[in-house]
């Protein structure tokens, strides 16, 4: 079995033996009979973003290796060839998301509520891929990412896991640039009118002068 990550699932509990002042360490073992929750919070600029869906894929299992607990790819994803040294690797998450799409692998899809929350309940132990195929209106789909169940915080196992992926707005297309039309200046509009008016006045005056001369001649 190809091991994905010697994840931080191993925690030690220091036990002080009072009788002989002897220190011993015991492995903290994940509770394999327990299920957890994975909550995805969608926000942009600290404002909840409702709408759309989120899909959760179980891509790996929790396995024991000589007392250590780690994640290993499941049967459906082992052929992807993905090897993880870091669960935060975006390349690994994108490769597993592409593998799931190409091979028609199904996950569990949950709608994002009015407060921007998508909650997956009764989540069994394992390694999970979070992906989005239907983003909220006006937003781009989140980048896929990996999340473990259980997670560890300060060396303790956590079965209620929260994640807040980064949201990006859809870039609105820039309006087309229209060529500017030549707008005639005010003076250019008045000048032809003045010239026509002046010509009309002169012609009228010349006509009156000719009529006056005709009357004198008669």
N, C-alpha and C. Protein backbone atom coordinates (compact mmCIF):
# COMPACT_ATOMS: atom_id res chain seq x y z
N UNK A 1 0.84 -1.18 0.00
CA UNK A 1 0.00 0.00 0.00
C UNK A 1 0.89 1.24 0.00
N UNK A 2 0.60 2.14 -0.93
CA UNK A 2 1.42 3.35 -1.05
C UNK A 2 1.02 4.32 0.04
N UNK A 3 1.98 4.72 0.82
CA UNK A 3 1.69 5.60 1.94
C UNK A 3 1.70 7.03 1.46
N UNK A 4 0.68 7.78 1.85
CA UNK A 4 0.57 9.15 1.41
C UNK A 4 1.27 10.12 2.35
N UNK A 5 1.04 9.94 3.58
CA UNK A 5 1.59 10.95 4.49
C UNK A 5 1.74 10.34 5.87
N UNK A 6 2.90 10.48 6.40
CA UNK A 6 3.08 10.11 7.81
C UNK A 6 2.57 11.30 8.60
N UNK A 7 1.23 11.39 8.59
CA UNK A 7 0.57 12.59 9.09
C UNK A 7 0.79 12.73 10.58
N UNK A 8 0.45 13.89 11.03
CA UNK A 8 0.66 14.17 12.45
C UNK A 8 -0.46 13.54 13.27
N UNK A 9 -0.62 12.22 13.10
CA UNK A 9 -1.64 11.51 13.84
C UNK A 9 -1.08 10.87 15.11
N UNK A 10 0.26 10.93 15.28
CA UNK A 10 0.86 10.26 16.43
C UNK A 10 1.13 11.30 17.52
N UNK A 11 0.53 11.10 18.65
CA UNK A 11 0.76 12.00 19.78
C UNK A 11 1.20 11.17 20.96
N UNK A 12 2.03 11.76 21.78
CA UNK A 12 2.54 11.03 22.94
C UNK A 12 1.99 11.65 24.22
N UNK A 13 1.70 10.79 25.17
CA UNK A 13 1.25 11.23 26.49
C UNK A 13 2.29 10.84 27.52
N UNK A 14 2.79 11.85 28.16
CA UNK A 14 3.83 11.59 29.16
C UNK A 14 3.18 11.09 30.45
N UNK A 15 3.62 9.94 30.88
CA UNK A 15 3.11 9.34 32.11
C UNK A 15 4.24 9.30 33.12
N UNK A 16 4.05 9.94 34.20
CA UNK A 16 5.07 9.96 35.25
C UNK A 16 4.71 8.87 36.27
N UNK A 17 5.62 7.93 36.43
CA UNK A 17 5.41 6.84 37.37
C UNK A 17 5.91 7.31 38.75
N UNK A 18 4.97 7.49 39.64
CA UNK A 18 5.32 8.05 40.94
C UNK A 18 6.23 7.12 41.74
N UNK A 19 6.02 5.82 41.66
CA UNK A 19 6.75 4.89 42.53
C UNK A 19 8.24 4.93 42.26
N UNK A 20 8.64 4.87 41.03
CA UNK A 20 10.08 4.77 40.76
C UNK A 20 10.62 5.94 39.97
N UNK A 21 9.81 7.04 39.81
CA UNK A 21 10.23 8.20 39.04
C UNK A 21 10.69 7.79 37.65
N UNK A 22 9.95 6.84 37.03
CA UNK A 22 10.27 6.36 35.70
C UNK A 22 9.28 6.97 34.71
N UNK A 23 9.79 7.52 33.59
CA UNK A 23 8.93 8.13 32.57
C UNK A 23 8.67 7.13 31.45
N UNK A 24 7.44 7.07 31.01
CA UNK A 24 7.08 6.20 29.90
C UNK A 24 6.14 6.96 28.98
N UNK A 25 6.09 6.56 27.70
CA UNK A 25 5.25 7.21 26.70
C UNK A 25 4.25 6.21 26.16
N UNK A 26 3.02 6.66 26.00
CA UNK A 26 1.98 5.82 25.43
C UNK A 26 1.43 6.49 24.18
N UNK A 27 1.18 5.69 23.15
CA UNK A 27 0.62 6.22 21.92
C UNK A 27 -0.84 6.61 22.12
N UNK A 28 -1.20 7.78 21.60
CA UNK A 28 -2.59 8.19 21.58
C UNK A 28 -3.22 7.56 20.34
N UNK A 29 -4.19 6.70 20.53
CA UNK A 29 -4.76 5.92 19.43
C UNK A 29 -6.05 6.56 18.96
N UNK A 30 -6.23 6.76 17.65
CA UNK A 30 -7.50 7.29 17.16
C UNK A 30 -8.64 6.33 17.48
N UNK A 31 -9.79 6.91 17.76
CA UNK A 31 -10.98 6.12 18.06
C UNK A 31 -11.62 5.73 16.73
N UNK A 32 -11.35 4.52 16.27
CA UNK A 32 -11.82 4.09 14.95
C UNK A 32 -13.33 3.88 14.90
N UNK A 33 -13.97 3.78 16.05
CA UNK A 33 -15.42 3.60 16.06
C UNK A 33 -16.17 4.93 16.06
N UNK A 34 -15.43 6.00 16.13
CA UNK A 34 -16.06 7.32 16.22
C UNK A 34 -16.14 7.97 14.84
N UNK A 35 -17.18 8.75 14.63
CA UNK A 35 -17.31 9.55 13.42
C UNK A 35 -17.21 11.03 13.80
N UNK A 36 -17.00 11.86 12.81
CA UNK A 36 -16.85 13.28 13.09
C UNK A 36 -17.64 14.13 12.12
N UNK A 37 -17.37 15.43 12.13
CA UNK A 37 -18.02 16.37 11.23
C UNK A 37 -16.95 17.22 10.54
N UNK A 38 -17.22 17.58 9.31
CA UNK A 38 -16.38 18.51 8.57
C UNK A 38 -17.26 19.68 8.14
N UNK A 39 -16.92 20.87 8.64
CA UNK A 39 -17.69 22.07 8.35
C UNK A 39 -16.89 22.99 7.43
N UNK A 40 -17.50 23.36 6.32
CA UNK A 40 -16.88 24.26 5.37
C UNK A 40 -17.59 25.61 5.48
N UNK A 41 -16.82 26.67 5.76
CA UNK A 41 -17.38 28.01 5.92
C UNK A 41 -16.97 28.86 4.72
N UNK A 42 -17.96 29.36 4.00
CA UNK A 42 -17.73 30.19 2.83
C UNK A 42 -17.91 31.66 3.20
N UNK A 43 -16.82 32.42 3.15
CA UNK A 43 -16.88 33.85 3.43
C UNK A 43 -16.02 34.61 2.43
N UNK A 44 -16.39 35.86 2.23
CA UNK A 44 -15.58 36.78 1.41
C UNK A 44 -15.56 38.12 2.12
N UNK A 45 -14.36 38.57 2.45
CA UNK A 45 -14.21 39.80 3.25
C UNK A 45 -15.02 39.71 4.54
N UNK A 46 -14.95 38.54 5.18
CA UNK A 46 -15.63 38.29 6.46
C UNK A 46 -17.15 38.34 6.36
N UNK A 47 -17.68 38.22 5.15
CA UNK A 47 -19.13 38.18 4.95
C UNK A 47 -19.50 36.81 4.41
N UNK A 48 -20.53 36.19 4.98
CA UNK A 48 -20.96 34.85 4.56
C UNK A 48 -21.41 34.87 3.11
N UNK A 49 -21.06 33.82 2.37
CA UNK A 49 -21.43 33.69 0.97
C UNK A 49 -22.32 32.43 0.83
N UNK A 50 -23.64 32.60 0.72
CA UNK A 50 -24.52 31.45 0.55
C UNK A 50 -24.60 31.02 -0.91
N UNK A 51 -25.18 29.83 -1.11
CA UNK A 51 -25.41 29.35 -2.47
C UNK A 51 -24.32 28.42 -2.95
N UNK A 52 -24.70 27.57 -3.90
CA UNK A 52 -23.76 26.60 -4.45
C UNK A 52 -23.71 25.34 -3.60
N UNK A 53 -22.78 24.47 -3.93
CA UNK A 53 -22.61 23.20 -3.22
C UNK A 53 -21.14 22.92 -3.00
N UNK A 54 -20.86 21.95 -2.13
CA UNK A 54 -19.51 21.45 -1.88
C UNK A 54 -19.58 19.93 -1.87
N UNK A 55 -18.56 19.28 -2.43
CA UNK A 55 -18.53 17.82 -2.50
C UNK A 55 -17.34 17.28 -1.74
N UNK A 56 -17.57 16.21 -0.97
CA UNK A 56 -16.55 15.57 -0.15
C UNK A 56 -16.29 14.16 -0.68
N UNK A 57 -15.03 13.87 -1.01
CA UNK A 57 -14.62 12.56 -1.51
C UNK A 57 -13.71 11.89 -0.47
N UNK A 58 -13.98 10.64 -0.18
CA UNK A 58 -13.09 9.88 0.71
C UNK A 58 -12.02 9.23 -0.15
N UNK A 59 -10.79 9.73 -0.03
CA UNK A 59 -9.71 9.28 -0.91
C UNK A 59 -8.70 8.39 -0.21
N UNK A 60 -8.75 8.31 1.13
CA UNK A 60 -7.75 7.52 1.83
C UNK A 60 -8.26 6.99 3.15
N UNK A 61 -7.48 6.10 3.72
CA UNK A 61 -7.82 5.46 4.99
C UNK A 61 -6.75 5.77 6.03
N UNK A 62 -7.11 5.60 7.29
CA UNK A 62 -6.15 5.67 8.38
C UNK A 62 -5.62 4.26 8.62
N UNK A 63 -4.31 4.10 8.55
CA UNK A 63 -3.69 2.79 8.74
C UNK A 63 -2.61 2.90 9.81
N UNK A 64 -2.29 1.76 10.40
CA UNK A 64 -1.26 1.70 11.43
C UNK A 64 0.01 1.11 10.83
N UNK A 65 1.12 1.76 11.11
CA UNK A 65 2.42 1.28 10.63
C UNK A 65 3.39 1.29 11.81
N UNK A 66 3.55 0.11 12.42
CA UNK A 66 4.47 -0.04 13.54
C UNK A 66 4.16 0.95 14.66
N UNK A 67 2.87 1.08 14.95
CA UNK A 67 2.46 1.97 16.03
C UNK A 67 2.19 3.38 15.61
N UNK A 68 2.59 3.77 14.40
CA UNK A 68 2.30 5.10 13.89
C UNK A 68 1.00 5.04 13.08
N UNK A 69 0.24 6.14 13.12
CA UNK A 69 -0.99 6.22 12.37
C UNK A 69 -0.83 7.23 11.25
N UNK A 70 -1.19 6.80 10.06
CA UNK A 70 -0.96 7.62 8.88
C UNK A 70 -2.07 7.38 7.86
N UNK A 71 -2.05 8.21 6.82
CA UNK A 71 -3.05 8.10 5.76
C UNK A 71 -2.46 7.35 4.56
N UNK A 72 -3.29 6.52 3.95
CA UNK A 72 -2.91 5.81 2.74
C UNK A 72 -4.05 5.91 1.74
N UNK A 73 -3.71 5.99 0.47
CA UNK A 73 -4.73 6.09 -0.57
C UNK A 73 -5.63 4.86 -0.56
N UNK A 74 -6.92 5.09 -0.82
CA UNK A 74 -7.86 4.00 -0.96
C UNK A 74 -7.74 3.34 -2.32
N UNK A 75 -8.45 2.23 -2.48
CA UNK A 75 -8.35 1.45 -3.72
C UNK A 75 -8.70 2.26 -4.94
N UNK A 76 -9.72 3.12 -4.86
CA UNK A 76 -10.18 3.87 -6.03
C UNK A 76 -9.19 4.94 -6.47
N UNK A 77 -8.29 5.33 -5.57
CA UNK A 77 -7.39 6.45 -5.88
C UNK A 77 -5.92 6.03 -5.96
N UNK A 78 -5.64 4.78 -5.66
CA UNK A 78 -4.25 4.35 -5.65
C UNK A 78 -3.62 4.46 -7.03
N UNK A 79 -4.41 4.25 -8.07
CA UNK A 79 -3.88 4.33 -9.42
C UNK A 79 -3.52 5.72 -9.88
N UNK A 80 -3.89 6.74 -9.10
CA UNK A 80 -3.57 8.12 -9.49
C UNK A 80 -2.07 8.40 -9.42
N UNK A 81 -1.36 7.60 -8.63
CA UNK A 81 0.08 7.81 -8.50
C UNK A 81 0.45 8.97 -7.60
N UNK A 82 -0.53 9.56 -6.93
CA UNK A 82 -0.27 10.71 -6.06
C UNK A 82 0.42 10.24 -4.78
N UNK A 83 1.49 10.92 -4.43
CA UNK A 83 2.19 10.66 -3.17
C UNK A 83 2.28 11.98 -2.42
N UNK A 84 1.84 11.97 -1.18
CA UNK A 84 1.82 13.20 -0.40
C UNK A 84 2.92 13.20 0.66
N UNK A 85 3.64 14.28 0.69
CA UNK A 85 4.50 14.56 1.82
C UNK A 85 3.86 15.63 2.71
N UNK A 86 2.84 16.29 2.16
CA UNK A 86 2.20 17.39 2.88
C UNK A 86 0.73 17.42 2.48
N UNK A 87 -0.15 17.36 3.46
CA UNK A 87 -1.57 17.40 3.16
C UNK A 87 -2.02 18.74 2.61
N UNK A 88 -1.17 19.76 2.75
CA UNK A 88 -1.51 21.08 2.22
C UNK A 88 -1.11 21.25 0.77
N UNK A 89 -0.61 20.22 0.13
CA UNK A 89 -0.13 20.33 -1.24
C UNK A 89 -1.28 20.58 -2.21
N UNK A 90 -1.33 21.74 -2.88
CA UNK A 90 -2.41 21.99 -3.85
C UNK A 90 -2.30 21.10 -5.07
N UNK A 91 -1.08 20.75 -5.46
CA UNK A 91 -0.90 19.89 -6.63
C UNK A 91 -1.51 18.51 -6.40
N UNK A 92 -1.31 17.96 -5.21
CA UNK A 92 -1.87 16.64 -4.91
C UNK A 92 -3.39 16.68 -4.91
N UNK A 93 -3.96 17.73 -4.31
CA UNK A 93 -5.42 17.85 -4.27
C UNK A 93 -5.99 17.99 -5.68
N UNK A 94 -5.35 18.81 -6.50
CA UNK A 94 -5.83 18.99 -7.87
C UNK A 94 -5.73 17.70 -8.68
N UNK A 95 -4.65 16.94 -8.47
CA UNK A 95 -4.48 15.67 -9.18
C UNK A 95 -5.55 14.66 -8.78
N UNK A 96 -5.86 14.60 -7.49
CA UNK A 96 -6.89 13.67 -7.02
C UNK A 96 -8.27 14.11 -7.49
N UNK A 97 -8.52 15.42 -7.53
CA UNK A 97 -9.81 15.91 -8.04
C UNK A 97 -9.97 15.57 -9.52
N UNK A 98 -8.90 15.73 -10.29
CA UNK A 98 -8.95 15.38 -11.71
C UNK A 98 -9.16 13.88 -11.89
N UNK A 99 -8.51 13.07 -11.06
CA UNK A 99 -8.67 11.62 -11.12
C UNK A 99 -10.12 11.22 -10.84
N UNK A 100 -10.72 11.85 -9.83
CA UNK A 100 -12.12 11.55 -9.50
C UNK A 100 -13.05 11.91 -10.65
N UNK A 101 -12.82 13.06 -11.27
CA UNK A 101 -13.66 13.48 -12.39
C UNK A 101 -13.48 12.55 -13.59
N UNK A 102 -12.24 12.22 -13.90
CA UNK A 102 -11.96 11.39 -15.08
C UNK A 102 -12.52 9.99 -14.93
N UNK A 103 -12.60 9.48 -13.70
CA UNK A 103 -13.03 8.10 -13.48
C UNK A 103 -14.44 8.00 -12.91
N UNK A 104 -15.15 9.12 -12.92
CA UNK A 104 -16.54 9.09 -12.50
C UNK A 104 -16.75 8.70 -11.05
N UNK A 105 -15.79 9.04 -10.19
CA UNK A 105 -15.92 8.69 -8.78
C UNK A 105 -16.83 9.71 -8.09
N UNK A 106 -17.70 9.19 -7.26
CA UNK A 106 -18.70 10.03 -6.62
C UNK A 106 -18.33 10.36 -5.18
N UNK A 107 -18.76 11.54 -4.78
CA UNK A 107 -18.60 11.95 -3.40
C UNK A 107 -19.95 12.30 -2.81
N UNK A 108 -19.91 12.93 -1.67
CA UNK A 108 -21.13 13.39 -0.98
C UNK A 108 -21.23 14.90 -1.16
N UNK A 109 -22.36 15.34 -1.72
CA UNK A 109 -22.54 16.76 -2.01
C UNK A 109 -23.53 17.38 -1.04
N UNK A 110 -23.17 18.54 -0.50
CA UNK A 110 -24.00 19.26 0.46
C UNK A 110 -24.18 20.69 -0.03
N UNK A 111 -25.42 21.20 0.10
CA UNK A 111 -25.69 22.59 -0.28
C UNK A 111 -25.15 23.54 0.78
N UNK A 112 -24.72 24.70 0.33
CA UNK A 112 -24.24 25.75 1.23
C UNK A 112 -25.45 26.56 1.69
N UNK A 113 -25.64 26.68 2.99
CA UNK A 113 -26.85 27.32 3.50
C UNK A 113 -26.75 28.84 3.45
N UNK A 114 -27.79 29.48 3.98
CA UNK A 114 -27.87 30.95 3.91
C UNK A 114 -26.78 31.64 4.73
N UNK A 115 -26.17 30.91 5.64
CA UNK A 115 -25.09 31.50 6.45
C UNK A 115 -23.71 31.12 5.93
N UNK A 116 -23.67 30.52 4.74
CA UNK A 116 -22.39 30.17 4.13
C UNK A 116 -21.76 28.90 4.67
N UNK A 117 -22.55 28.03 5.31
CA UNK A 117 -22.02 26.81 5.91
C UNK A 117 -22.43 25.59 5.09
N UNK A 118 -21.51 24.64 4.98
CA UNK A 118 -21.80 23.31 4.44
C UNK A 118 -21.22 22.31 5.43
N UNK A 119 -22.07 21.48 6.02
CA UNK A 119 -21.64 20.59 7.10
C UNK A 119 -21.84 19.14 6.68
N UNK A 120 -20.76 18.36 6.79
CA UNK A 120 -20.81 16.93 6.53
C UNK A 120 -20.79 16.21 7.88
N UNK A 121 -21.79 15.39 8.13
CA UNK A 121 -21.90 14.69 9.41
C UNK A 121 -21.61 13.20 9.23
N UNK A 122 -21.39 12.53 10.36
CA UNK A 122 -21.10 11.09 10.37
C UNK A 122 -19.94 10.74 9.44
N UNK A 123 -18.89 11.56 9.50
CA UNK A 123 -17.71 11.35 8.65
C UNK A 123 -16.80 10.31 9.29
N UNK A 124 -16.55 9.22 8.60
CA UNK A 124 -15.67 8.18 9.11
C UNK A 124 -14.22 8.63 9.04
N UNK A 125 -13.36 7.95 9.81
CA UNK A 125 -11.94 8.28 9.78
C UNK A 125 -11.38 8.05 8.38
N UNK A 126 -10.52 8.93 7.96
CA UNK A 126 -9.90 8.80 6.65
C UNK A 126 -9.39 10.12 6.13
N UNK A 127 -8.89 10.08 4.90
CA UNK A 127 -8.40 11.28 4.22
C UNK A 127 -9.45 11.70 3.20
N UNK A 128 -9.77 12.98 3.18
CA UNK A 128 -10.87 13.47 2.34
C UNK A 128 -10.41 14.59 1.42
N UNK A 129 -11.05 14.63 0.27
CA UNK A 129 -10.85 15.68 -0.73
C UNK A 129 -12.10 16.54 -0.76
N UNK A 130 -11.92 17.86 -0.66
CA UNK A 130 -13.02 18.80 -0.76
C UNK A 130 -12.92 19.50 -2.11
N UNK A 131 -14.00 19.47 -2.88
CA UNK A 131 -14.02 20.09 -4.20
C UNK A 131 -15.36 20.78 -4.41
N UNK A 132 -15.39 21.69 -5.35
CA UNK A 132 -16.63 22.41 -5.64
C UNK A 132 -16.90 22.42 -7.13
N UNK A 133 -18.08 21.93 -7.50
CA UNK A 133 -18.49 21.90 -8.90
C UNK A 133 -19.57 22.93 -9.20
N UNK A 134 -20.21 23.43 -8.16
CA UNK A 134 -21.27 24.43 -8.32
C UNK A 134 -21.03 25.57 -7.34
N UNK A 135 -20.30 26.60 -7.77
CA UNK A 135 -20.03 27.72 -6.87
C UNK A 135 -21.24 28.65 -6.74
N UNK A 136 -21.17 29.53 -5.77
CA UNK A 136 -22.21 30.55 -5.61
C UNK A 136 -22.15 31.53 -6.77
N UNK A 137 -23.27 32.14 -7.08
CA UNK A 137 -23.33 33.11 -8.17
C UNK A 137 -22.34 34.25 -7.92
N UNK A 138 -21.57 34.56 -8.95
CA UNK A 138 -20.61 35.66 -8.85
C UNK A 138 -19.26 35.27 -8.30
N UNK A 139 -19.08 33.98 -7.95
CA UNK A 139 -17.81 33.53 -7.37
C UNK A 139 -17.25 32.35 -8.17
N UNK A 140 -15.94 32.25 -8.14
CA UNK A 140 -15.28 31.13 -8.78
C UNK A 140 -15.30 29.92 -7.84
N UNK A 141 -15.20 28.72 -8.41
CA UNK A 141 -15.14 27.51 -7.59
C UNK A 141 -13.86 27.53 -6.76
N UNK A 142 -13.96 27.05 -5.54
CA UNK A 142 -12.78 27.01 -4.67
C UNK A 142 -11.78 25.99 -5.21
N UNK A 143 -10.53 26.19 -4.88
CA UNK A 143 -9.52 25.20 -5.22
C UNK A 143 -9.71 23.96 -4.36
N UNK A 144 -9.58 22.75 -4.93
CA UNK A 144 -9.71 21.55 -4.12
C UNK A 144 -8.63 21.48 -3.05
N UNK A 145 -8.95 20.85 -1.93
CA UNK A 145 -7.96 20.69 -0.87
C UNK A 145 -8.24 19.40 -0.11
N UNK A 146 -7.23 18.93 0.63
CA UNK A 146 -7.32 17.70 1.39
C UNK A 146 -7.48 18.01 2.88
N UNK A 147 -8.21 17.14 3.56
CA UNK A 147 -8.42 17.33 4.98
C UNK A 147 -8.54 15.95 5.64
N UNK A 148 -7.92 15.80 6.80
CA UNK A 148 -7.91 14.51 7.48
C UNK A 148 -8.97 14.42 8.56
N UNK A 149 -9.46 13.22 8.77
CA UNK A 149 -10.39 12.94 9.87
C UNK A 149 -9.86 11.71 10.62
N UNK A 150 -9.38 11.87 11.86
CA UNK A 150 -9.41 13.11 12.63
C UNK A 150 -8.24 14.01 12.26
N UNK A 151 -8.36 15.26 12.71
CA UNK A 151 -7.26 16.20 12.60
C UNK A 151 -6.58 16.27 13.97
N UNK A 152 -5.45 16.93 14.02
CA UNK A 152 -4.77 17.09 15.31
C UNK A 152 -4.55 18.56 15.60
N UNK A 153 -4.81 18.93 16.84
CA UNK A 153 -4.58 20.29 17.33
C UNK A 153 -3.84 20.18 18.65
N UNK A 154 -2.63 20.72 18.67
CA UNK A 154 -1.79 20.67 19.88
C UNK A 154 -1.62 19.24 20.37
N UNK A 155 -1.46 18.31 19.42
CA UNK A 155 -1.20 16.93 19.77
C UNK A 155 -2.42 16.11 20.14
N UNK A 156 -3.60 16.73 20.11
CA UNK A 156 -4.83 16.01 20.46
C UNK A 156 -5.67 15.81 19.21
N UNK A 157 -6.35 14.68 19.17
CA UNK A 157 -7.21 14.39 18.02
C UNK A 157 -8.48 15.24 18.09
N UNK A 158 -8.87 15.77 16.93
CA UNK A 158 -10.07 16.59 16.81
C UNK A 158 -10.97 15.94 15.78
N UNK A 159 -12.21 15.69 16.15
CA UNK A 159 -13.16 15.00 15.27
C UNK A 159 -14.21 15.95 14.68
N UNK A 160 -14.17 17.20 15.09
CA UNK A 160 -15.03 18.23 14.49
C UNK A 160 -14.10 19.23 13.82
N UNK A 161 -13.99 19.11 12.52
CA UNK A 161 -12.99 19.85 11.76
C UNK A 161 -13.66 20.98 10.98
N UNK A 162 -13.06 22.17 11.05
CA UNK A 162 -13.55 23.34 10.33
C UNK A 162 -12.54 23.75 9.27
N UNK A 163 -13.05 24.20 8.14
CA UNK A 163 -12.18 24.70 7.07
C UNK A 163 -12.84 25.91 6.42
N UNK A 164 -12.02 26.91 6.10
CA UNK A 164 -12.50 28.12 5.44
C UNK A 164 -11.67 28.36 4.19
N UNK A 165 -12.11 27.85 3.04
CA UNK A 165 -11.34 28.02 1.81
C UNK A 165 -11.40 29.47 1.31
N UNK A 166 -10.45 29.80 0.47
CA UNK A 166 -10.39 31.14 -0.09
C UNK A 166 -11.37 31.27 -1.25
N UNK A 167 -12.15 32.35 -1.24
CA UNK A 167 -13.10 32.62 -2.32
C UNK A 167 -12.59 33.76 -3.19
N UNK A 168 -12.88 33.65 -4.48
CA UNK A 168 -12.49 34.70 -5.42
C UNK A 168 -13.70 35.07 -6.26
N UNK A 169 -13.85 36.37 -6.50
CA UNK A 169 -14.94 36.85 -7.33
C UNK A 169 -14.68 36.53 -8.81
N UNK A 170 -15.76 36.32 -9.53
CA UNK A 170 -15.64 36.18 -10.98
C UNK A 170 -15.29 37.54 -11.56
N UNK A 171 -14.29 37.58 -12.40
CA UNK A 171 -13.88 38.84 -13.01
C UNK A 171 -14.90 39.24 -14.08
N UNK A 172 -15.54 40.40 -13.88
CA UNK A 172 -16.51 40.87 -14.87
C UNK A 172 -15.78 41.30 -16.14
N UNK A 173 -16.32 40.96 -17.32
CA UNK A 173 -15.65 41.37 -18.56
C UNK A 173 -15.64 42.87 -18.72
N UNK A 174 -14.54 43.39 -19.21
CA UNK A 174 -14.44 44.83 -19.42
C UNK A 174 -15.31 45.25 -20.59
N UNK A 175 -16.00 46.38 -20.48
CA UNK A 175 -16.86 46.83 -21.59
C UNK A 175 -16.02 47.13 -22.82
N UNK A 176 -16.56 46.85 -24.03
CA UNK A 176 -15.80 47.12 -25.25
C UNK A 176 -15.53 48.60 -25.42
N UNK A 177 -14.37 48.89 -25.99
CA UNK A 177 -13.97 50.28 -26.21
C UNK A 177 -14.56 50.75 -27.53
N UNK A 178 -15.38 51.80 -27.49
CA UNK A 178 -15.98 52.35 -28.71
C UNK A 178 -15.19 53.57 -29.15
N UNK A 179 -14.98 53.72 -30.47
CA UNK A 179 -14.23 54.88 -30.95
C UNK A 179 -14.97 56.18 -30.67
N UNK A 180 -14.22 57.18 -30.29
CA UNK A 180 -14.84 58.46 -29.97
C UNK A 180 -15.26 59.16 -31.26
N UNK A 181 -16.48 59.70 -31.26
CA UNK A 181 -16.98 60.44 -32.42
C UNK A 181 -16.54 61.89 -32.33
N UNK A 182 -16.26 62.47 -33.51
CA UNK A 182 -15.89 63.88 -33.56
C UNK A 182 -17.11 64.73 -33.25
N UNK A 183 -17.05 65.43 -32.18
CA UNK A 183 -18.16 66.30 -31.78
C UNK A 183 -17.83 67.71 -32.20
N UNK A 184 -18.63 68.29 -33.11
CA UNK A 184 -18.32 69.65 -33.58
C UNK A 184 -18.41 70.65 -32.45
N UNK A 185 -17.50 71.64 -32.51
CA UNK A 185 -17.50 72.69 -31.51
C UNK A 185 -18.68 73.62 -31.73
N UNK A 186 -19.06 74.33 -30.69
CA UNK A 186 -20.21 75.23 -30.77
C UNK A 186 -20.01 76.31 -31.81
N UNK A 187 -18.78 76.82 -31.87
CA UNK A 187 -18.49 77.87 -32.85
C UNK A 187 -18.63 77.37 -34.27
N UNK A 188 -18.28 76.09 -34.51
CA UNK A 188 -18.39 75.53 -35.86
C UNK A 188 -19.84 75.43 -36.29
N UNK A 189 -20.75 75.21 -35.36
CA UNK A 189 -22.17 75.13 -35.70
C UNK A 189 -22.76 76.50 -36.01
N UNK A 190 -22.33 77.53 -35.30
CA UNK A 190 -22.91 78.86 -35.44
C UNK A 190 -22.42 79.56 -36.69
N UNK A 191 -21.13 79.33 -37.03
CA UNK A 191 -20.54 80.09 -38.14
C UNK A 191 -21.29 79.88 -39.45
N UNK A 192 -21.60 78.66 -39.90
CA UNK A 192 -22.35 78.52 -41.16
C UNK A 192 -23.71 79.19 -41.11
N UNK A 193 -24.36 79.12 -39.93
CA UNK A 193 -25.68 79.75 -39.81
C UNK A 193 -25.58 81.26 -39.96
N UNK A 194 -24.55 81.83 -39.33
CA UNK A 194 -24.36 83.29 -39.43
C UNK A 194 -24.08 83.70 -40.87
N UNK A 195 -23.27 82.89 -41.56
CA UNK A 195 -22.94 83.22 -42.94
C UNK A 195 -24.18 83.15 -43.83
N UNK A 196 -24.99 82.11 -43.63
CA UNK A 196 -26.22 82.01 -44.43
C UNK A 196 -27.16 83.16 -44.14
N UNK A 197 -27.29 83.50 -42.85
CA UNK A 197 -28.17 84.61 -42.47
C UNK A 197 -27.69 85.93 -43.05
N UNK A 198 -26.36 86.13 -42.99
CA UNK A 198 -25.81 87.38 -43.54
C UNK A 198 -26.03 87.45 -45.04
N UNK A 199 -25.84 86.30 -45.71
CA UNK A 199 -26.06 86.27 -47.15
C UNK A 199 -27.51 86.57 -47.49
N UNK A 200 -28.43 86.04 -46.70
CA UNK A 200 -29.84 86.31 -46.95
C UNK A 200 -30.18 87.77 -46.76
N UNK A 201 -29.62 88.37 -45.71
CA UNK A 201 -29.88 89.79 -45.46
C UNK A 201 -29.35 90.64 -46.61
N UNK A 202 -28.14 90.34 -47.07
CA UNK A 202 -27.57 91.11 -48.18
C UNK A 202 -28.40 90.97 -49.45
N UNK A 203 -28.84 89.72 -49.70
CA UNK A 203 -29.65 89.50 -50.91
C UNK A 203 -30.96 90.24 -50.81
N UNK A 204 -31.56 90.25 -49.64
CA UNK A 204 -32.83 90.96 -49.46
C UNK A 204 -32.63 92.45 -49.65
N UNK A 205 -31.50 92.96 -49.09
CA UNK A 205 -31.23 94.38 -49.22
C UNK A 205 -30.99 94.77 -50.68
N UNK A 206 -30.27 93.90 -51.41
CA UNK A 206 -30.02 94.20 -52.83
C UNK A 206 -31.32 94.20 -53.62
N UNK A 207 -32.22 93.29 -53.29
CA UNK A 207 -33.51 93.23 -53.98
C UNK A 207 -34.32 94.48 -53.73
N UNK A 208 -34.34 94.96 -52.49
CA UNK A 208 -35.09 96.18 -52.19
C UNK A 208 -34.50 97.39 -52.91
N UNK A 209 -33.16 97.40 -52.99
CA UNK A 209 -32.53 98.53 -53.68
C UNK A 209 -32.90 98.54 -55.16
N UNK A 210 -32.93 97.37 -55.78
CA UNK A 210 -33.29 97.29 -57.19
C UNK A 210 -34.72 97.72 -57.42
N UNK A 211 -35.64 97.34 -56.55
CA UNK A 211 -37.04 97.73 -56.68
C UNK A 211 -37.20 99.25 -56.55
N UNK A 212 -36.40 99.80 -55.62
CA UNK A 212 -36.50 101.26 -55.44
C UNK A 212 -36.02 101.98 -56.69
N UNK A 213 -34.95 101.53 -57.30
CA UNK A 213 -34.45 102.17 -58.53
C UNK A 213 -35.44 102.03 -59.66
N UNK A 214 -36.11 100.86 -59.71
CA UNK A 214 -37.07 100.64 -60.80
C UNK A 214 -38.22 101.64 -60.69
N UNK A 215 -38.68 101.90 -59.47
CA UNK A 215 -39.77 102.82 -59.29
C UNK A 215 -39.36 104.24 -59.67
N UNK A 216 -38.13 104.62 -59.33
CA UNK A 216 -37.67 105.97 -59.70
C UNK A 216 -37.57 106.13 -61.21
N UNK A 217 -37.11 105.03 -61.83
CA UNK A 217 -36.96 105.11 -63.30
C UNK A 217 -38.30 105.23 -63.98
N UNK A 218 -39.31 104.65 -63.42
CA UNK A 218 -40.63 104.70 -64.04
C UNK A 218 -41.28 106.03 -63.71
